[in-house]
Amino acid sequence: SATDEAEHTLETSNVQKFNTGSWNAIDNPDNL
């Protein structure tokens, strides 16, 4: 859902930050 494969239905999920470009060094939803 952070790629062109899919869309996550729940708009409040943090995965949407990848799609809107609103992720950064402080807030990365995939910070592993």
PDB file of all heavy atoms in Angstrom:
ATOM      1  N   SER A   1       0.808  -1.220   0.000  1.00  0.00           N
ATOM      2  CA  SER A   1       0.000   0.000   0.000  1.00  0.00           C
ATOM      3  C   SER A   1       0.839   1.266   0.000  1.00  0.00           C
ATOM      4  O   SER A   1       0.292   2.371  -0.093  1.00  0.00           O
ATOM      5  CB  SER A   1      -0.955   0.002   1.198  1.00  0.00           C
ATOM      6  OG  SER A   1      -1.935  -1.007   1.050  1.00  0.00           O
ATOM      7  N   ALA A   2       2.154   1.125   0.117  1.00  0.00           N
ATOM      8  CA  ALA A   2       3.062   2.256  -0.028  1.00  0.00           C
ATOM      9  C   ALA A   2       3.700   2.248  -1.412  1.00  0.00           C
ATOM     10  O   ALA A   2       4.656   2.978  -1.654  1.00  0.00           O
ATOM     11  CB  ALA A   2       4.147   2.211   1.045  1.00  0.00           C
ATOM     12  N   THR A   3       3.153   1.421  -2.322  1.00  0.00           N
ATOM     13  CA  THR A   3       3.644   1.325  -3.689  1.00  0.00           C
ATOM     14  C   THR A   3       2.455   1.414  -4.641  1.00  0.00           C
ATOM     15  O   THR A   3       1.317   1.588  -4.215  1.00  0.00           O
ATOM     16  CB  THR A   3       4.391  -0.001  -3.930  1.00  0.00           C
ATOM     17  OG1 THR A   3       3.428  -1.058  -4.068  1.00  0.00           O
ATOM     18  CG2 THR A   3       5.339  -0.322  -2.779  1.00  0.00           C
ATOM     19  N   ASP A   4       2.735   1.228  -5.923  1.00  0.00           N
ATOM     20  CA  ASP A   4       1.659   1.249  -6.909  1.00  0.00           C
ATOM     21  C   ASP A   4       0.913  -0.075  -6.991  1.00  0.00           C
ATOM     22  O   ASP A   4       0.068  -0.264  -7.869  1.00  0.00           O
ATOM     23  CB  ASP A   4       2.197   1.629  -8.295  1.00  0.00           C
ATOM     24  CG  ASP A   4       3.259   0.666  -8.805  1.00  0.00           C
ATOM     25  OD1 ASP A   4       3.757  -0.164  -8.023  1.00  0.00           O
ATOM     26  OD2 ASP A   4       3.615   0.757  -9.997  1.00  0.00           O
ATOM     27  N   GLU A   5       1.186  -0.996  -6.077  1.00  0.00           N
ATOM     28  CA  GLU A   5       0.457  -2.263  -6.046  1.00  0.00           C
ATOM     29  C   GLU A   5      -0.922  -2.125  -5.424  1.00  0.00           C
ATOM     30  O   GLU A   5      -1.820  -2.907  -5.761  1.00  0.00           O
ATOM     31  CB  GLU A   5       1.232  -3.311  -5.244  1.00  0.00           C
ATOM     32  CG  GLU A   5       2.481  -3.828  -5.917  1.00  0.00           C
ATOM     33  CD  GLU A   5       3.154  -4.919  -5.111  1.00  0.00           C
ATOM     34  OE1 GLU A   5       3.160  -4.839  -3.865  1.00  0.00           O
ATOM     35  OE2 GLU A   5       3.684  -5.851  -5.731  1.00  0.00           O
ATOM     36  N   ALA A   6      -1.098  -1.186  -4.495  1.00  0.00           N
ATOM     37  CA  ALA A   6      -2.323  -1.213  -3.701  1.00  0.00           C
ATOM     38  C   ALA A   6      -2.602   0.126  -3.032  1.00  0.00           C
ATOM     39  O   ALA A   6      -1.737   1.002  -2.945  1.00  0.00           O
ATOM     40  CB  ALA A   6      -2.225  -2.316  -2.639  1.00  0.00           C
ATOM     41  N   GLU A   7      -3.821   0.223  -2.521  1.00  0.00           N
ATOM     42  CA  GLU A   7      -4.264   1.321  -1.670  1.00  0.00           C
ATOM     43  C   GLU A   7      -4.809   0.724  -0.383  1.00  0.00           C
ATOM     44  O   GLU A   7      -5.577  -0.249  -0.418  1.00  0.00           O
ATOM     45  CB  GLU A   7      -5.364   2.134  -2.361  1.00  0.00           C
ATOM     46  CG  GLU A   7      -6.109   3.109  -1.468  1.00  0.00           C
ATOM     47  CD  GLU A   7      -5.292   4.335  -1.089  1.00  0.00           C
ATOM     48  OE1 GLU A   7      -4.110   4.425  -1.474  1.00  0.00           O
ATOM     49  OE2 GLU A   7      -5.844   5.227  -0.395  1.00  0.00           O
ATOM     50  N   HIS A   8      -4.399   1.272   0.759  1.00  0.00           N
ATOM     51  CA  HIS A   8      -4.948   0.813   2.029  1.00  0.00           C
ATOM     52  C   HIS A   8      -6.247   1.566   2.295  1.00  0.00           C
ATOM     53  O   HIS A   8      -6.291   2.793   2.236  1.00  0.00           O
ATOM     54  CB  HIS A   8      -3.955   1.036   3.171  1.00  0.00           C
ATOM     55  CG  HIS A   8      -4.337   0.325   4.429  1.00  0.00           C
ATOM     56  ND1 HIS A   8      -4.375  -1.048   4.525  1.00  0.00           N
ATOM     57  CD2 HIS A   8      -4.729   0.792   5.640  1.00  0.00           C
ATOM     58  CE1 HIS A   8      -4.743  -1.393   5.745  1.00  0.00           C
ATOM     59  NE2 HIS A   8      -4.975  -0.303   6.434  1.00  0.00           N
ATOM     60  N   THR A   9      -7.291   0.811   2.600  1.00  0.00           N
ATOM     61  CA  THR A   9      -8.616   1.409   2.710  1.00  0.00           C
ATOM     62  C   THR A   9      -8.704   2.425   3.840  1.00  0.00           C
ATOM     63  O   THR A   9      -9.319   3.480   3.687  1.00  0.00           O
ATOM     64  CB  THR A   9      -9.667   0.295   2.926  1.00  0.00           C
ATOM     65  OG1 THR A   9      -9.572  -0.636   1.847  1.00  0.00           O
ATOM     66  CG2 THR A   9     -11.062   0.881   2.981  1.00  0.00           C
ATOM     67  N   LEU A  10      -8.089   2.122   4.962  1.00  0.00           N
ATOM     68  CA  LEU A  10      -8.169   3.014   6.118  1.00  0.00           C
ATOM     69  C   LEU A  10      -7.255   4.216   5.896  1.00  0.00           C
ATOM     70  O   LEU A  10      -6.031   4.100   5.930  1.00  0.00           O
ATOM     71  CB  LEU A  10      -7.766   2.269   7.391  1.00  0.00           C
ATOM     72  CG  LEU A  10      -7.936   3.024   8.713  1.00  0.00           C
ATOM     73  CD1 LEU A  10      -9.399   3.356   8.955  1.00  0.00           C
ATOM     74  CD2 LEU A  10      -7.375   2.210   9.865  1.00  0.00           C
ATOM     75  N   GLU A  11      -7.856   5.370   5.680  1.00  0.00           N
ATOM     76  CA  GLU A  11      -7.074   6.557   5.322  1.00  0.00           C
ATOM     77  C   GLU A  11      -6.227   7.079   6.466  1.00  0.00           C
ATOM     78  O   GLU A  11      -5.266   7.809   6.245  1.00  0.00           O
ATOM     79  CB  GLU A  11      -8.007   7.651   4.810  1.00  0.00           C
ATOM     80  CG  GLU A  11      -8.672   7.297   3.486  1.00  0.00           C
ATOM     81  CD  GLU A  11      -9.513   8.432   2.936  1.00  0.00           C
ATOM     82  OE1 GLU A  11      -9.573   9.494   3.585  1.00  0.00           O
ATOM     83  OE2 GLU A  11     -10.102   8.243   1.859  1.00  0.00           O
ATOM     84  N   THR A  12      -6.576   6.725   7.701  1.00  0.00           N
ATOM     85  CA  THR A  12      -5.804   7.211   8.852  1.00  0.00           C
ATOM     86  C   THR A  12      -4.571   6.366   9.133  1.00  0.00           C
ATOM     87  O   THR A  12      -3.788   6.710  10.019  1.00  0.00           O
ATOM     88  CB  THR A  12      -6.694   7.241  10.106  1.00  0.00           C
ATOM     89  OG1 THR A  12      -7.229   5.930  10.336  1.00  0.00           O
ATOM     90  CG2 THR A  12      -7.835   8.244   9.942  1.00  0.00           C
ATOM     91  N   SER A  13      -4.378   5.263   8.405  1.00  0.00           N
ATOM     92  CA  SER A  13      -3.183   4.449   8.617  1.00  0.00           C
ATOM     93  C   SER A  13      -1.942   5.235   8.237  1.00  0.00           C
ATOM     94  O   SER A  13      -1.916   5.973   7.256  1.00  0.00           O
ATOM     95  CB  SER A  13      -3.252   3.172   7.775  1.00  0.00           C
ATOM     96  OG  SER A  13      -2.014   2.489   7.803  1.00  0.00           O
ATOM     97  N   ASN A  14      -0.890   5.045   9.000  1.00  0.00           N
ATOM     98  CA  ASN A  14       0.364   5.760   8.738  1.00  0.00           C
ATOM     99  C   ASN A  14       0.997   5.397   7.409  1.00  0.00           C
ATOM    100  O   ASN A  14       1.859   6.119   6.913  1.00  0.00           O
ATOM    101  CB  ASN A  14       1.367   5.493   9.868  1.00  0.00           C
ATOM    102  CG  ASN A  14       1.079   6.295  11.109  1.00  0.00           C
ATOM    103  OD1 ASN A  14       0.526   7.385  11.041  1.00  0.00           O
ATOM    104  ND2 ASN A  14       1.421   5.757  12.272  1.00  0.00           N
ATOM    105  N   VAL A  15       0.574   4.277   6.805  1.00  0.00           N
ATOM    106  CA  VAL A  15       1.138   3.915   5.505  1.00  0.00           C
ATOM    107  C   VAL A  15       0.842   4.988   4.465  1.00  0.00           C
ATOM    108  O   VAL A  15       1.590   5.163   3.496  1.00  0.00           O
ATOM    109  CB  VAL A  15       0.599   2.538   5.043  1.00  0.00           C
ATOM    110  CG1 VAL A  15      -0.837   2.639   4.545  1.00  0.00           C
ATOM    111  CG2 VAL A  15       1.500   1.932   3.972  1.00  0.00           C
ATOM    112  N   GLN A  16      -0.239   5.759   4.673  1.00  0.00           N
ATOM    113  CA  GLN A  16      -0.608   6.800   3.711  1.00  0.00           C
ATOM    114  C   GLN A  16       0.441   7.913   3.637  1.00  0.00           C
ATOM    115  O   GLN A  16       0.504   8.639   2.632  1.00  0.00           O
ATOM    116  CB  GLN A  16      -1.970   7.407   4.081  1.00  0.00           C
ATOM    117  CG  GLN A  16      -3.110   6.399   4.169  1.00  0.00           C
ATOM    118  CD  GLN A  16      -3.533   5.832   2.827  1.00  0.00           C
ATOM    119  OE1 GLN A  16      -2.923   6.110   1.797  1.00  0.00           O
ATOM    120  NE2 GLN A  16      -4.569   5.009   2.827  1.00  0.00           N
ATOM    121  N   LYS A  17       1.274   8.034   4.662  1.00  0.00           N
ATOM    122  CA  LYS A  17       2.299   9.085   4.640  1.00  0.00           C
ATOM    123  C   LYS A  17       3.289   8.876   3.502  1.00  0.00           C
ATOM    124  O   LYS A  17       3.830   9.842   2.963  1.00  0.00           O
ATOM    125  CB  LYS A  17       3.020   9.138   5.982  1.00  0.00           C
ATOM    126  CG  LYS A  17       2.120   9.603   7.128  1.00  0.00           C
ATOM    127  CD  LYS A  17       2.841   9.609   8.470  1.00  0.00           C
ATOM    128  CE  LYS A  17       1.879  10.075   9.571  1.00  0.00           C
ATOM    129  NZ  LYS A  17       2.533  10.078  10.893  1.00  0.00           N
ATOM    130  N   PHE A  18       3.529   7.614   3.130  1.00  0.00           N
ATOM    131  CA  PHE A  18       4.405   7.361   1.987  1.00  0.00           C
ATOM    132  C   PHE A  18       3.770   7.876   0.699  1.00  0.00           C
ATOM    133  O   PHE A  18       4.469   8.338  -0.207  1.00  0.00           O
ATOM    134  CB  PHE A  18       4.694   5.862   1.864  1.00  0.00           C
ATOM    135  CG  PHE A  18       5.697   5.352   2.850  1.00  0.00           C
ATOM    136  CD1 PHE A  18       5.304   4.586   3.938  1.00  0.00           C
ATOM    137  CD2 PHE A  18       7.048   5.645   2.711  1.00  0.00           C
ATOM    138  CE1 PHE A  18       6.228   4.117   4.856  1.00  0.00           C
ATOM    139  CE2 PHE A  18       7.987   5.183   3.617  1.00  0.00           C
ATOM    140  CZ  PHE A  18       7.572   4.419   4.700  1.00  0.00           C
ATOM    141  N   ASN A  19       2.464   7.803   0.602  1.00  0.00           N
ATOM    142  CA  ASN A  19       1.786   8.173  -0.628  1.00  0.00           C
ATOM    143  C   ASN A  19       1.585   9.682  -0.753  1.00  0.00           C
ATOM    144  O   ASN A  19       1.519  10.205  -1.862  1.00  0.00           O
ATOM    145  CB  ASN A  19       0.434   7.457  -0.690  1.00  0.00           C
ATOM    146  CG  ASN A  19       0.593   5.952  -0.558  1.00  0.00           C
ATOM    147  OD1 ASN A  19       1.575   5.385  -1.034  1.00  0.00           O
ATOM    148  ND2 ASN A  19      -0.350   5.299   0.096  1.00  0.00           N
ATOM    149  N   THR A  20       1.502  10.369   0.368  1.00  0.00           N
ATOM    150  CA  THR A  20       1.348  11.824   0.350  1.00  0.00           C
ATOM    151  C   THR A  20       2.688  12.545   0.439  1.00  0.00           C
ATOM    152  O   THR A  20       2.743  13.770   0.309  1.00  0.00           O
ATOM    153  CB  THR A  20       0.452  12.279   1.510  1.00  0.00           C
ATOM    154  OG1 THR A  20       1.054  11.898   2.758  1.00  0.00           O
ATOM    155  CG2 THR A  20      -0.939  11.655   1.413  1.00  0.00           C
ATOM    156  N   GLY A  21       3.760  11.795   0.676  1.00  0.00           N
ATOM    157  CA  GLY A  21       5.082  12.402   0.804  1.00  0.00           C
ATOM    158  C   GLY A  21       5.301  13.080   2.138  1.00  0.00           C
ATOM    159  O   GLY A  21       6.224  13.888   2.286  1.00  0.00           O
ATOM    160  N   SER A  22       4.498  12.737   3.149  1.00  0.00           N
ATOM    161  CA  SER A  22       4.572  13.434   4.439  1.00  0.00           C
ATOM    162  C   SER A  22       5.353  12.645   5.482  1.00  0.00           C
ATOM    163  O   SER A  22       5.042  12.677   6.668  1.00  0.00           O
ATOM    164  CB  SER A  22       3.162  13.721   4.956  1.00  0.00           C
ATOM    165  OG  SER A  22       2.404  12.534   5.065  1.00  0.00           O
ATOM    166  N   TRP A  23       6.375  11.914   5.034  1.00  0.00           N
ATOM    167  CA  TRP A  23       7.233  11.184   5.962  1.00  0.00           C
ATOM    168  C   TRP A  23       8.620  11.804   5.950  1.00  0.00           C
ATOM    169  O   TRP A  23       9.003  12.472   4.991  1.00  0.00           O
ATOM    170  CB  TRP A  23       7.284   9.699   5.614  1.00  0.00           C
ATOM    171  CG  TRP A  23       7.722   9.376   4.218  1.00  0.00           C
ATOM    172  CD1 TRP A  23       7.058   9.653   3.054  1.00  0.00           C
ATOM    173  CD2 TRP A  23       8.927   8.706   3.832  1.00  0.00           C
ATOM    174  NE1 TRP A  23       7.773   9.198   1.968  1.00  0.00           N
ATOM    175  CE2 TRP A  23       8.909   8.608   2.406  1.00  0.00           C
ATOM    176  CE3 TRP A  23       9.992   8.167   4.531  1.00  0.00           C
ATOM    177  CZ2 TRP A  23       9.940   7.996   1.688  1.00  0.00           C
ATOM    178  CZ3 TRP A  23      11.010   7.551   3.812  1.00  0.00           C
ATOM    179  CH2 TRP A  23      10.978   7.464   2.418  1.00  0.00           C
ATOM    180  N   ASN A  24       9.358  11.610   7.012  1.00  0.00           N
ATOM    181  CA  ASN A  24      10.662  12.270   7.139  1.00  0.00           C
ATOM    182  C   ASN A  24      11.508  11.553   8.180  1.00  0.00           C
ATOM    183  O   ASN A  24      11.144  10.461   8.646  1.00  0.00           O
ATOM    184  CB  ASN A  24      10.465  13.747   7.506  1.00  0.00           C
ATOM    185  CG  ASN A  24       9.561  13.929   8.713  1.00  0.00           C
ATOM    186  OD1 ASN A  24       9.766  13.312   9.752  1.00  0.00           O
ATOM    187  ND2 ASN A  24       8.529  14.767   8.558  1.00  0.00           N
ATOM    188  N   ALA A  25      12.628  12.163   8.546  1.00  0.00           N
ATOM    189  CA  ALA A  25      13.568  11.522   9.474  1.00  0.00           C
ATOM    190  C   ALA A  25      13.013  11.386  10.882  1.00  0.00           C
ATOM    191  O   ALA A  25      13.488  10.555  11.661  1.00  0.00           O
ATOM    192  CB  ALA A  25      14.875  12.319   9.510  1.00  0.00           C
ATOM    193  N   ILE A  26      12.015  12.197  11.215  1.00  0.00           N
ATOM    194  CA  ILE A  26      11.394  12.114  12.535  1.00  0.00           C
ATOM    195  C   ILE A  26      10.220  11.150  12.519  1.00  0.00           C
ATOM    196  O   ILE A  26       9.971  10.438  13.486  1.00  0.00           O
ATOM    197  CB  ILE A  26      10.940  13.515  12.997  1.00  0.00           C
ATOM    198  CG1 ILE A  26      12.159  14.436  13.134  1.00  0.00           C
ATOM    199  CG2 ILE A  26      10.169  13.442  14.309  1.00  0.00           C
ATOM    200  CD1 ILE A  26      11.801  15.875  13.428  1.00  0.00           C
ATOM    201  N   ASP A  27       9.505  11.120  11.425  1.00  0.00           N
ATOM    202  CA  ASP A  27       8.282  10.326  11.327  1.00  0.00           C
ATOM    203  C   ASP A  27       8.338   9.453  10.076  1.00  0.00           C
ATOM    204  O   ASP A  27       7.931   9.859   8.989  1.00  0.00           O
ATOM    205  CB  ASP A  27       7.067  11.265  11.273  1.00  0.00           C
ATOM    206  CG  ASP A  27       5.749  10.503  11.283  1.00  0.00           C
ATOM    207  OD1 ASP A  27       5.771   9.279  11.471  1.00  0.00           O
ATOM    208  OD2 ASP A  27       4.699  11.155  11.106  1.00  0.00           O
ATOM    209  N   ASN A  28       8.878   8.241  10.230  1.00  0.00           N
ATOM    210  CA  ASN A  28       8.955   7.266   9.146  1.00  0.00           C
ATOM    211  C   ASN A  28       8.136   6.048   9.552  1.00  0.00           C
ATOM    212  O   ASN A  28       8.517   5.317  10.466  1.00  0.00           O
ATOM    213  CB  ASN A  28      10.407   6.868   8.886  1.00  0.00           C
ATOM    214  CG  ASN A  28      10.555   5.835   7.777  1.00  0.00           C
ATOM    215  OD1 ASN A  28       9.574   5.281   7.287  1.00  0.00           O
ATOM    216  ND2 ASN A  28      11.787   5.554   7.388  1.00  0.00           N
ATOM    217  N   PRO A  29       7.005   5.793   8.898  1.00  0.00           N
ATOM    218  CA  PRO A  29       6.142   4.682   9.306  1.00  0.00           C
ATOM    219  C   PRO A  29       6.800   3.305   9.181  1.00  0.00           C
ATOM    220  O   PRO A  29       6.306   2.346   9.758  1.00  0.00           O
ATOM    221  CB  PRO A  29       4.941   4.796   8.357  1.00  0.00           C
ATOM    222  CG  PRO A  29       4.950   6.215   7.892  1.00  0.00           C
ATOM    223  CD  PRO A  29       6.390   6.605   7.822  1.00  0.00           C
ATOM    224  N   ASP A  30       7.880   3.211   8.423  1.00  0.00           N
ATOM    225  CA  ASP A  30       8.579   1.935   8.243  1.00  0.00           C
ATOM    226  C   ASP A  30       9.967   2.005   8.865  1.00  0.00           C
ATOM    227  O   ASP A  30      10.922   1.413   8.360  1.00  0.00           O
ATOM    228  CB  ASP A  30       8.668   1.594   6.750  1.00  0.00           C
ATOM    229  CG  ASP A  30       9.200   0.184   6.493  1.00  0.00           C
ATOM    230  OD1 ASP A  30       8.788  -0.743   7.211  1.00  0.00           O
ATOM    231  OD2 ASP A  30      10.011   0.010   5.572  1.00  0.00           O
ATOM    232  N   ASN A  31      10.085   2.707   9.971  1.00  0.00           N
ATOM    233  CA  ASN A  31      11.390   2.865  10.615  1.00  0.00           C
ATOM    234  C   ASN A  31      11.734   1.595  11.392  1.00  0.00           C
ATOM    235  O   ASN A  31      11.286   1.385  12.513  1.00  0.00           O
ATOM    236  CB  ASN A  31      11.366   4.063  11.563  1.00  0.00           C
ATOM    237  CG  ASN A  31      12.700   4.252  12.271  1.00  0.00           C
ATOM    238  OD1 ASN A  31      13.716   3.674  11.879  1.00  0.00           O
ATOM    239  ND2 ASN A  31      12.709   5.046  13.317  1.00  0.00           N
ATOM    240  N   LEU A  32      12.529   0.734  10.766  1.00  0.00           N
ATOM    241  CA  LEU A  32      12.919  -0.529  11.380  1.00  0.00           C
ATOM    242  C   LEU A  32      14.390  -0.535  11.792  1.00  0.00           C
ATOM    243  O   LEU A  32      14.971  -1.599  12.025  1.00  0.00           O
ATOM    244  CB  LEU A  32      12.641  -1.680  10.409  1.00  0.00           C
ATOM    245  CG  LEU A  32      11.166  -1.882  10.042  1.00  0.00           C
ATOM    246  CD1 LEU A  32      11.011  -2.991   9.011  1.00  0.00           C
ATOM    247  CD2 LEU A  32      10.325  -2.191  11.272  1.00  0.00           C
TER     248      LEU A  32
END
